[in-house]
């Protein structure tokens, strides 16, 4: 490896790795804030949260890689231009293509690695991460009494306290719904009390002082409902034990047998697509057979049977006394068939869209790799042209370009799911649109063209301004003195 190649590679990798880590962390935090209400307050061990974040980090890598490649390439070549290193290289007879050559090789390996990462590791991470998130969401919230707020996390109880110190609680309100008769409930009020977990946190024990118990009596007669009969008993001290089994944490490693298209590799996606296509075709054939049979009959009811012939004179073969009933039945059947037809139509559209999502996901596994290469050929020459390094202007430009790339992906993918575009076009069009831009920037940067020089863009407007002034002066010559 030549010294120039080593220098370019080290310069790029020093920027690329931190940029990728920051991009992954930023995107992962978006997922964390999205599901923060599921994760907080459930008493989940910290290592399960770390495991979930690890799976999420694998999920966001395909989205973080393009922006990392774009930003690092702009910063690297922009730094070369800002410190006149690029000018020194080119003055020595080294072309921009030669400077980019080691990074092109690196981007090829990055694209290949991205494909295998997206195809082999990301589906597994999506599957395990989704299962872990589902198992966490099934957990009851952790027991925590907040003064002035009802807590109903324990099955069969609603608990509220007015205040809490390290040793006692005050203004205790406990409602018990555990009675076999759902119409009957019990309310316990106490001025103060003590609360603690006993028997390996299997039971919650309340020692209550100076309170009363109100127990409803279910009315046996209708006129007793308005009386709200209940039994009241007072106590100076009582003990209440509540089972905490309903708050016991379940198995976080439980596997939910659900396979999403984002949890499949390329071979599994094609297999699932073929299976869905066969099932859809069977549904259509079954619906055709059912609807065909519904539109013909020879028996009006069980009492009257007659022969009827298909054709425009069908009603003439129906007895006059049964014609109103036949028309009424025909209208009812037509209305039912119409409703069933639209229901089936919605089902077919859903199944077809779900099939298209499998094809889109299949193409995306290849498109992410190609997208990294395309964005590199945009970022590297763009950095050489603007000649600015650091995280200021390059960061802003890379964000704008990546947002353009992401918006194109979102728009075309939505069109693909709606059937306006094929799955292949909806995935590959963003890269095909940006590819000519990358080629154009690369050629201009290699020729040292000042495409971002404001003077070159203002020159035609200044020429037009001077032309108009000249013509105006010719029409209205200045008066001679």
Protein backbone atom coordinates (compact mmCIF):
# COMPACT_ATOMS: atom_id res chain seq x y z
CA UNK A 1 0.00 0.00 0.00
CA UNK A 2 1.37 3.36 -1.00
CA UNK A 3 1.79 6.18 1.48
CA UNK A 4 -0.93 8.26 -0.20
CA UNK A 5 -3.43 5.42 0.01
CA UNK A 6 -2.60 4.85 3.66
CA UNK A 7 -2.99 8.54 4.45
CA UNK A 8 -6.37 8.82 2.70
CA UNK A 9 -7.67 5.65 4.37
CA UNK A 10 -6.60 6.72 7.85
CA UNK A 11 -8.08 10.19 7.36
CA UNK A 12 -11.41 8.73 6.23
CA UNK A 13 -11.64 6.03 8.90
CA UNK A 14 -10.87 8.52 11.68
CA UNK A 15 -13.97 10.46 10.66
CA UNK A 16 -16.16 7.56 9.52
CA UNK A 17 -16.14 5.46 12.71
CA UNK A 18 -17.12 8.30 15.14
CA UNK A 19 -19.71 9.55 12.65
CA UNK A 20 -21.25 6.08 12.38
CA UNK A 21 -21.34 5.69 16.16
CA UNK A 22 -23.00 9.08 16.64
CA UNK A 23 -25.53 8.35 13.87
CA UNK A 24 -26.43 4.97 15.37
CA UNK A 25 -26.76 6.51 18.84
CA UNK A 26 -28.97 9.35 17.56
CA UNK A 27 -31.31 7.04 15.66
CA UNK A 28 -31.41 4.62 18.58
CA UNK A 29 -32.43 7.42 20.95
CA UNK A 30 -35.39 8.16 18.67
CA UNK A 31 -36.58 4.58 19.16
CA UNK A 32 -35.96 4.87 22.88
CA UNK A 33 -38.12 7.99 23.20
CA UNK A 34 -40.79 6.35 21.08
CA UNK A 35 -41.14 3.42 23.49
CA UNK A 36 -40.14 5.19 26.71
CA UNK A 37 -43.62 4.76 28.19
CA UNK A 38 -43.33 0.97 27.80
CA UNK A 39 -39.87 0.71 29.35
CA UNK A 40 -40.19 3.05 32.33
CA UNK A 41 -41.82 2.06 35.60
CA UNK A 42 -42.13 -1.69 35.03
CA UNK A 43 -39.32 -2.88 37.27
CA UNK A 44 -37.39 -4.44 34.37
CA UNK A 45 -33.79 -5.43 35.13
CA UNK A 46 -31.21 -3.13 33.56
CA UNK A 47 -29.59 -5.86 31.47
CA UNK A 48 -32.85 -6.41 29.55
CA UNK A 49 -32.86 -2.72 28.61
CA UNK A 50 -29.22 -2.98 27.49
CA UNK A 51 -30.08 -6.06 25.43
CA UNK A 52 -32.98 -4.24 23.78
CA UNK A 53 -30.75 -1.26 22.96
CA UNK A 54 -28.21 -3.65 21.44
CA UNK A 55 -30.87 -5.11 19.13
CA UNK A 56 -32.07 -1.62 18.24
CA UNK A 57 -28.53 -0.55 17.38
CA UNK A 58 -28.39 -3.35 14.79
CA UNK A 59 -31.75 -2.26 13.36
CA UNK A 60 -30.69 1.35 12.75
CA UNK A 61 -27.29 0.56 11.18
CA UNK A 62 -28.74 0.35 7.61
CA UNK A 63 -30.10 3.88 8.03
CA UNK A 64 -27.04 5.22 9.85
CA UNK A 65 -24.52 3.93 7.28
CA UNK A 66 -25.57 6.20 4.36
CA UNK A 67 -25.50 9.37 6.43
CA UNK A 68 -22.15 8.35 7.99
CA UNK A 69 -20.64 7.72 4.54
CA UNK A 70 -21.97 11.02 3.21
CA UNK A 71 -20.83 13.14 6.16
CA UNK A 72 -17.41 11.52 6.53
CA UNK A 73 -16.64 11.81 2.81
CA UNK A 74 -17.60 15.52 2.75
CA UNK A 75 -15.56 16.21 5.90
CA UNK A 76 -12.52 14.28 4.66
CA UNK A 77 -12.24 15.85 1.22
CA UNK A 78 -13.44 19.22 2.49
CA UNK A 79 -10.57 19.12 5.00
CA UNK A 80 -8.12 18.31 2.20
CA UNK A 81 -9.35 21.34 0.28
CA UNK A 82 -9.41 23.67 3.28
CA UNK A 83 -5.80 22.86 4.24
CA UNK A 84 -4.59 22.94 0.61
CA UNK A 85 -3.67 19.24 0.77
CA UNK A 86 -5.85 18.52 -2.23
CA UNK A 87 -4.15 21.29 -4.20
CA UNK A 88 -0.73 19.88 -3.27
CA UNK A 89 -1.73 16.40 -4.39
CA UNK A 90 -3.09 17.61 -7.68
CA UNK A 91 -0.10 19.85 -8.33
CA UNK A 92 2.01 16.71 -8.06
CA UNK A 93 0.10 15.19 -10.95
CA UNK A 94 -2.30 13.06 -8.84
CA UNK A 95 -5.86 13.19 -10.13
CA UNK A 96 -8.96 13.19 -7.96
CA UNK A 97 -9.84 9.72 -9.23
CA UNK A 98 -6.47 8.45 -7.97
CA UNK A 99 -7.04 10.06 -4.59
CA UNK A 100 -10.51 8.49 -4.33
CA UNK A 101 -9.35 5.04 -5.47
CA UNK A 102 -8.56 3.54 -2.01
CA UNK A 103 -11.86 4.81 -0.65
CA UNK A 104 -13.72 3.34 -3.63
CA UNK A 105 -12.24 -0.04 -2.71
CA UNK A 106 -13.27 0.53 0.92
CA UNK A 107 -16.79 1.51 -0.14
CA UNK A 108 -17.03 -1.69 -2.19
CA UNK A 109 -16.23 -3.77 0.88
CA UNK A 110 -18.59 -1.64 2.98
CA UNK A 111 -21.39 -2.25 0.45
CA UNK A 112 -20.78 -6.01 0.48
CA UNK A 113 -20.61 -6.08 4.27
CA UNK A 114 -23.76 -3.97 4.50
CA UNK A 115 -25.66 -6.47 2.37
CA UNK A 116 -24.64 -9.43 4.53
CA UNK A 117 -25.28 -7.44 7.69
CA UNK A 118 -28.73 -6.40 6.48
CA UNK A 119 -29.60 -9.86 5.18
CA UNK A 120 -28.24 -12.08 7.96
CA UNK A 121 -27.97 -10.06 11.18
CA UNK A 122 -30.67 -7.38 11.00
CA UNK A 123 -33.59 -9.87 10.60
CA UNK A 124 -32.41 -11.76 13.70
CA UNK A 125 -32.00 -8.50 15.63
CA UNK A 126 -35.48 -7.35 14.52
CA UNK A 127 -37.00 -10.65 15.61
CA UNK A 128 -35.32 -10.79 19.02
CA UNK A 129 -35.79 -7.08 19.67
CA UNK A 130 -39.49 -7.19 18.79
CA UNK A 131 -40.07 -10.24 21.00
CA UNK A 132 -38.22 -8.65 23.90
CA UNK A 133 -40.21 -5.42 23.52
CA UNK A 134 -43.49 -7.37 23.46
CA UNK A 135 -42.53 -9.30 26.59
CA UNK A 136 -41.56 -6.07 28.36
CA UNK A 137 -44.86 -4.43 27.40
CA UNK A 138 -46.76 -7.38 28.93
CA UNK A 139 -45.20 -6.76 32.34
CA UNK A 140 -47.23 -5.04 35.01
CA UNK A 141 -45.96 -1.63 36.13
CA UNK A 142 -43.64 -1.80 39.11
CA UNK A 143 -45.28 -1.20 42.48
CA UNK A 144 -44.87 2.43 43.45
CA UNK A 145 -47.40 4.41 45.46
CA UNK A 146 -47.50 8.12 44.64
CA UNK A 147 -49.34 10.33 47.16
CA UNK A 148 -52.66 11.56 45.82
CA UNK A 149 -52.72 9.15 42.85
CA UNK A 150 -54.69 5.91 42.58
CA UNK A 151 -52.55 2.83 41.90
CA UNK A 152 -54.39 -0.04 40.16
CA UNK A 153 -51.44 -2.16 39.07
CA UNK A 154 -52.35 -4.94 41.52
CA UNK A 155 -55.21 -7.02 40.17
CA UNK A 156 -58.38 -6.57 42.22
CA UNK A 157 -57.25 -3.53 44.21
CA UNK A 158 -57.18 0.27 43.92
CA UNK A 159 -54.90 2.01 46.43
CA UNK A 160 -54.37 5.68 47.24
CA UNK A 161 -52.44 7.37 50.03
CA UNK A 162 -52.33 10.98 51.12
CA UNK A 163 -48.70 11.06 52.22
CA UNK A 164 -45.67 8.83 52.67
CA UNK A 165 -42.55 8.84 54.82
CA UNK A 166 -39.84 6.25 55.33
CA UNK A 167 -41.79 4.52 58.11
CA UNK A 168 -45.50 5.19 57.61
CA UNK A 169 -48.25 6.24 55.25
CA UNK A 170 -51.22 8.51 55.94
CA UNK A 171 -54.79 8.92 54.68
CA UNK A 172 -54.99 5.40 53.31
CA UNK A 173 -57.77 4.43 50.87
CA UNK A 174 -57.96 0.80 49.68
CA UNK A 175 -60.77 -0.57 47.50
CA UNK A 176 -61.05 -4.34 47.27
CA UNK A 177 -62.70 -5.90 44.16
CA UNK A 178 -61.64 -9.50 44.84
CA UNK A 179 -65.07 -10.67 46.01
CA UNK A 180 -66.65 -13.53 44.04
CA UNK A 181 -69.76 -11.35 43.62
CA UNK A 182 -68.68 -8.58 41.26
CA UNK A 183 -71.47 -6.33 42.58
CA UNK A 184 -69.88 -6.40 46.02
CA UNK A 185 -66.79 -4.38 46.91
CA UNK A 186 -65.07 -3.34 50.12
CA UNK A 187 -63.48 -0.01 51.01
CA UNK A 188 -60.93 0.44 53.79
CA UNK A 189 -60.13 3.89 55.15
CA UNK A 190 -57.42 4.55 57.74
CA UNK A 191 -55.75 7.60 59.23
CA UNK A 192 -52.27 6.10 59.06
CA UNK A 193 -50.49 2.83 58.58
CA UNK A 194 -47.31 0.93 57.83
CA UNK A 195 -46.48 -0.82 54.56
CA UNK A 196 -43.82 -3.43 53.75
CA UNK A 197 -43.11 -6.38 51.48
CA UNK A 198 -42.80 -9.79 53.14
CA UNK A 199 -41.99 -13.39 52.20
CA UNK A 200 -39.52 -12.61 49.40
CA UNK A 201 -41.73 -9.76 48.17
CA UNK A 202 -44.60 -12.20 47.50
CA UNK A 203 -47.03 -10.26 49.71
CA UNK A 204 -47.65 -6.61 50.51
CA UNK A 205 -48.60 -6.15 54.14
CA UNK A 206 -50.50 -3.12 55.44
CA UNK A 207 -50.79 -2.43 59.16
CA UNK A 208 -53.57 0.16 59.44
CA UNK A 209 -54.56 2.23 62.46
CA UNK A 210 -57.75 4.15 63.36
CA UNK A 211 -59.94 3.41 60.39
CA UNK A 212 -63.18 1.95 59.11
CA UNK A 213 -64.27 -0.72 56.66
CA UNK A 214 -67.27 -0.30 54.37
CA UNK A 215 -68.65 -3.40 52.65
CA UNK A 216 -71.47 -3.14 50.13
CA UNK A 217 -74.46 -5.45 50.30
CA UNK A 218 -75.79 -6.44 46.86
CA UNK A 219 -79.50 -5.54 46.61
CA UNK A 220 -81.85 -8.48 46.21
CA UNK A 221 -84.85 -6.38 45.17
CA UNK A 222 -85.11 -3.57 42.65
CA UNK A 223 -86.34 -1.02 45.20
CA UNK A 224 -83.23 -1.69 47.36
CA UNK A 225 -80.79 -0.40 44.72
CA UNK A 226 -81.24 3.25 45.68
CA UNK A 227 -80.63 2.58 49.37
CA UNK A 228 -76.92 1.66 48.83
CA UNK A 229 -76.93 -0.81 51.70
CA UNK A 230 -73.55 -1.45 53.31
CA UNK A 231 -71.96 -2.69 56.50
CA UNK A 232 -69.59 -0.42 58.40
CA UNK A 233 -67.06 -1.58 60.97
CA UNK A 234 -64.41 0.44 62.79
CA UNK A 235 -60.99 -0.71 63.96
CA UNK A 236 -58.08 0.61 65.95
CA UNK A 237 -55.59 -1.70 64.26
CA UNK A 238 -55.91 -4.22 61.43
CA UNK A 239 -53.63 -6.08 59.06
CA UNK A 240 -54.20 -6.56 55.34
CA UNK A 241 -52.07 -8.78 53.12
CA UNK A 242 -52.21 -8.47 49.33
CA UNK A 243 -50.65 -11.03 47.00
CA UNK A 244 -48.05 -9.60 44.62
CA UNK A 245 -48.10 -12.58 42.25
CA UNK A 246 -49.84 -10.49 39.58
CA UNK A 247 -46.78 -8.21 39.55
CA UNK A 248 -44.29 -11.05 39.14
CA UNK A 249 -42.09 -10.55 36.10
CA UNK A 250 -42.57 -13.05 33.29
CA UNK A 251 -39.99 -14.73 31.10
CA UNK A 252 -38.27 -12.04 29.06
CA UNK A 253 -36.85 -14.68 26.76
CA UNK A 254 -40.25 -16.01 25.72
CA UNK A 255 -40.52 -16.26 21.94
CA UNK A 256 -43.65 -14.93 20.28
CA UNK A 257 -44.30 -16.94 17.12
CA UNK A 258 -44.79 -13.97 14.85
CA UNK A 259 -42.67 -13.38 11.75
CA UNK A 260 -42.72 -9.92 10.21
CA UNK A 261 -41.28 -9.23 6.77
CA UNK A 262 -38.51 -7.20 8.42
CA UNK A 263 -37.50 -10.39 10.24
CA UNK A 264 -36.77 -12.38 7.07
CA UNK A 265 -33.75 -12.67 4.82
CA UNK A 266 -33.88 -12.64 1.02
CA UNK A 267 -34.60 -16.36 0.61
CA UNK A 268 -37.31 -16.30 3.28
CA UNK A 269 -38.87 -13.19 1.74
CA UNK A 270 -39.24 -14.87 -1.66
CA UNK A 271 -40.62 -18.01 -0.04
CA UNK A 272 -43.12 -15.99 2.00
CA UNK A 273 -44.12 -14.01 -1.11
CA UNK A 274 -44.84 -17.22 -3.07
CA UNK A 275 -46.87 -18.59 -0.15
CA UNK A 276 -48.89 -15.38 0.11
CA UNK A 277 -49.50 -15.37 -3.66
CA UNK A 278 -50.81 -18.95 -3.59
CA UNK A 279 -53.06 -18.18 -0.64
CA UNK A 280 -54.43 -15.05 -2.35
CA UNK A 281 -55.14 -16.99 -5.54
CA UNK A 282 -56.98 -19.68 -3.56
CA UNK A 283 -59.05 -17.01 -1.81
CA UNK A 284 -60.02 -15.47 -5.15
CA UNK A 285 -60.99 -18.84 -6.64
CA UNK A 286 -63.04 -19.70 -3.56
CA UNK A 287 -64.79 -16.32 -3.66
CA UNK A 288 -65.56 -16.75 -7.38
CA UNK A 289 -67.12 -20.13 -6.75
CA UNK A 290 -69.20 -18.86 -3.82
CA UNK A 291 -70.48 -15.79 -5.68
CA UNK A 292 -71.34 -17.84 -8.78
CA UNK A 293 -73.51 -20.24 -6.79
CA UNK A 294 -75.27 -17.39 -5.00
CA UNK A 295 -76.63 -15.94 -8.24
CA UNK A 296 -78.69 -19.01 -9.23
CA UNK A 297 -81.28 -21.07 -7.44
CA UNK A 298 -84.22 -23.36 -8.29
CA UNK A 299 -85.94 -23.44 -4.91
CA UNK A 300 -87.71 -20.46 -3.40
CA UNK A 301 -88.55 -22.12 -0.08
CA UNK A 302 -89.05 -25.57 1.36
CA UNK A 303 -92.80 -25.61 0.59
CA UNK A 304 -92.79 -24.54 -3.02
CA UNK A 305 -90.49 -26.07 -5.59
CA UNK A 306 -90.64 -25.31 -9.30
CA UNK A 307 -88.46 -25.47 -12.36
CA UNK A 308 -86.95 -22.15 -13.47
CA UNK A 309 -84.98 -21.38 -16.57
CA UNK A 310 -82.11 -18.91 -16.83
CA UNK A 311 -82.76 -15.98 -19.19
CA UNK A 312 -84.59 -12.67 -19.63
CA UNK A 313 -87.99 -14.38 -19.06
CA UNK A 314 -86.99 -15.79 -15.70
CA UNK A 315 -89.77 -14.04 -13.74
CA UNK A 316 -92.44 -15.53 -16.01
CA UNK A 317 -91.52 -18.97 -14.69
CA UNK A 318 -92.04 -17.85 -11.08
CA UNK A 319 -95.61 -18.17 -9.77
CA UNK A 320 -97.37 -14.80 -9.46
CA UNK A 321 -97.97 -15.28 -5.73
CA UNK A 322 -94.25 -15.78 -5.10
CA UNK A 323 -92.90 -12.97 -7.29
CA UNK A 324 -92.89 -10.26 -4.53
CA UNK A 325 -91.04 -12.62 -2.23
CA UNK A 326 -88.62 -13.54 -5.01
CA UNK A 327 -87.89 -9.86 -5.72
CA UNK A 328 -87.44 -9.11 -2.01
CA UNK A 329 -85.11 -12.07 -1.58
CA UNK A 330 -83.18 -11.07 -4.70
CA UNK A 331 -82.68 -7.51 -3.40
CA UNK A 332 -81.58 -8.78 0.01
CA UNK A 333 -79.16 -11.26 -1.51
CA UNK A 334 -77.79 -8.62 -3.89
CA UNK A 335 -77.20 -6.23 -0.97
CA UNK A 336 -75.46 -8.94 1.05
CA UNK A 337 -73.38 -9.97 -1.93
CA UNK A 338 -72.40 -6.37 -2.56
CA UNK A 339 -71.23 -5.94 1.05
CA UNK A 340 -69.35 -9.20 0.89
CA UNK A 341 -67.77 -8.16 -2.42
CA UNK A 342 -66.41 -4.90 -0.97
CA UNK A 343 -65.18 -6.71 2.14
CA UNK A 344 -63.33 -9.18 -0.05
CA UNK A 345 -61.99 -6.33 -2.16
CA UNK A 346 -60.50 -4.68 0.94
CA UNK A 347 -59.00 -8.02 1.97
CA UNK A 348 -57.44 -8.53 -1.45
CA UNK A 349 -55.94 -5.03 -1.40
CA UNK A 350 -54.50 -5.62 2.06
CA UNK A 351 -53.00 -8.96 1.04
CA UNK A 352 -51.56 -7.50 -2.17
CA UNK A 353 -50.01 -4.58 -0.27
CA UNK A 354 -48.53 -7.01 2.26
CA UNK A 355 -47.04 -9.02 -0.61
CA UNK A 356 -45.59 -5.85 -2.12
CA UNK A 357 -43.95 -5.01 1.22
CA UNK A 358 -42.08 -8.33 1.01
CA UNK A 359 -40.75 -7.43 -2.43
CA UNK A 360 -39.82 -3.91 -1.29
CA UNK A 361 -37.93 -5.34 1.67
CA UNK A 362 -36.14 -7.79 -0.65
CA UNK A 363 -34.95 -4.99 -2.95
CA UNK A 364 -34.06 -2.74 0.00
CA UNK A 365 -31.44 -5.21 1.23
CA UNK A 366 -29.51 -4.58 -1.99
CA UNK A 367 -30.42 -0.89 -2.38
CA UNK A 368 -28.91 0.12 0.97
CA UNK A 369 -25.48 -1.10 -0.17
CA UNK A 370 -25.69 0.70 -3.52
CA UNK A 371 -27.00 3.82 -1.77
CA UNK A 372 -23.81 4.01 0.32
CA UNK A 373 -21.69 4.00 -2.85
CA UNK A 374 -23.88 6.62 -4.56
CA UNK A 375 -23.74 8.93 -1.54
CA UNK A 376 -19.96 8.54 -1.39
CA UNK A 377 -19.66 9.73 -4.99
CA UNK A 378 -21.78 12.73 -4.02
CA UNK A 379 -20.01 13.53 -0.74
CA UNK A 380 -16.37 13.15 -1.78
CA UNK A 381 -16.43 15.49 -4.82
CA UNK A 382 -18.76 17.87 -3.02
CA UNK A 383 -16.25 18.19 -0.19
CA UNK A 384 -13.46 18.76 -2.71
CA UNK A 385 -15.50 21.55 -4.31
CA UNK A 386 -16.62 23.43 -1.18
CA UNK A 387 -13.17 23.02 0.46
CA UNK A 388 -14.53 23.17 3.99
CA UNK A 389 -13.75 20.61 6.70
CA UNK A 390 -14.90 20.19 10.27
CA UNK A 391 -18.48 19.74 11.43
CA UNK A 392 -19.92 23.11 10.40
CA UNK A 393 -20.88 23.57 6.77
CA UNK A 394 -20.19 19.90 5.83
CA UNK A 395 -22.57 18.75 8.55
CA UNK A 396 -25.35 21.04 7.32
CA UNK A 397 -24.85 20.03 3.69
CA UNK A 398 -24.77 16.32 4.52
CA UNK A 399 -27.99 16.60 6.54
CA UNK A 400 -29.73 18.39 3.65
CA UNK A 401 -28.55 15.81 1.12
CA UNK A 402 -29.48 12.90 3.36
CA UNK A 403 -32.93 14.39 3.99
CA UNK A 404 -33.38 14.63 0.23
CA UNK A 405 -32.36 10.98 -0.10
CA UNK A 406 -34.65 9.94 2.76
CA UNK A 407 -37.62 11.93 1.40
CA UNK A 408 -37.19 10.27 -2.01
CA UNK A 409 -37.12 6.86 -0.34
CA UNK A 410 -40.28 7.63 1.65
CA UNK A 411 -42.22 9.02 -1.32
CA UNK A 412 -41.37 6.26 -3.77
CA UNK A 413 -41.86 3.51 -1.19
CA UNK A 414 -45.33 4.86 -0.43
CA UNK A 415 -46.08 4.88 -4.16
CA UNK A 416 -44.83 1.30 -4.36
CA UNK A 417 -47.07 0.13 -1.52
CA UNK A 418 -50.02 1.82 -3.20
CA UNK A 419 -49.37 0.08 -6.50
CA UNK A 420 -48.44 3.24 -8.43
CA UNK A 421 -44.92 1.88 -8.94
CA UNK A 422 -43.49 -1.59 -9.04
CA UNK A 423 -41.56 -2.73 -5.98
CA UNK A 424 -38.24 -2.58 -7.85
CA UNK A 425 -38.74 0.97 -9.14
CA UNK A 426 -39.97 2.24 -5.78
CA UNK A 427 -36.75 1.09 -4.08
CA UNK A 428 -34.17 1.84 -6.78
CA UNK A 429 -35.45 5.21 -8.05
CA UNK A 430 -33.82 7.30 -5.24
CA UNK A 431 -30.40 5.87 -6.07
CA UNK A 432 -31.01 6.24 -9.81
CA UNK A 433 -31.97 9.90 -9.32
CA UNK A 434 -28.91 10.70 -7.20
CA UNK A 435 -26.47 8.70 -9.35
CA UNK A 436 -26.29 11.31 -12.18
CA UNK A 437 -25.73 14.01 -9.55
CA UNK A 438 -22.81 12.01 -8.15
CA UNK A 439 -21.32 11.50 -11.62
CA UNK A 440 -21.73 15.19 -12.45
CA UNK A 441 -20.08 16.33 -9.19
CA UNK A 442 -17.24 13.85 -9.60
CA UNK A 443 -16.49 15.03 -13.15
CA UNK A 444 -16.68 18.70 -12.16
CA UNK A 445 -14.45 18.17 -9.10
CA UNK A 446 -11.92 16.22 -11.17
CA UNK A 447 -11.77 19.12 -13.65
CA UNK A 448 -11.47 21.62 -10.80
CA UNK A 449 -14.64 23.36 -11.93
CA UNK A 450 -15.96 26.10 -9.68
CA UNK A 451 -19.58 25.09 -9.81
CA UNK A 452 -20.23 26.71 -6.45
CA UNK A 453 -18.63 30.02 -7.44
CA UNK A 454 -21.33 32.66 -7.20
CA UNK A 455 -19.59 34.78 -9.85
CA UNK A 456 -20.05 32.07 -12.49
CA UNK A 457 -23.81 31.98 -11.85
CA UNK A 458 -24.23 35.77 -11.70
CA UNK A 459 -22.29 36.39 -14.93
CA UNK A 460 -25.27 35.64 -17.30
CA UNK A 461 -27.55 37.91 -15.28
CA UNK A 462 -25.01 40.71 -15.39
CA UNK A 463 -24.64 40.28 -19.15
CA UNK A 464 -28.44 40.52 -19.56
CA UNK A 465 -28.51 43.61 -17.33
CA UNK A 466 -25.84 45.31 -19.40
CA UNK A 467 -27.66 44.35 -22.62
CA UNK A 468 -30.91 45.95 -21.41
CA UNK A 469 -29.07 49.10 -20.31
CA UNK A 470 -27.36 49.38 -23.70
CA UNK A 471 -30.67 49.07 -25.57
CA UNK A 472 -32.32 51.58 -23.25
CA UNK A 473 -29.51 54.04 -23.90
CA UNK A 474 -29.85 53.52 -27.68
CA UNK A 475 -33.61 54.29 -27.53
CA UNK A 476 -33.22 57.23 -25.19
CA UNK A 477 -29.88 58.85 -25.98
CA UNK A 478 -28.62 61.39 -23.55
CA UNK A 479 -29.25 65.04 -24.62
CA UNK A 480 -26.27 66.80 -26.10
CA UNK A 481 -24.97 69.82 -24.28
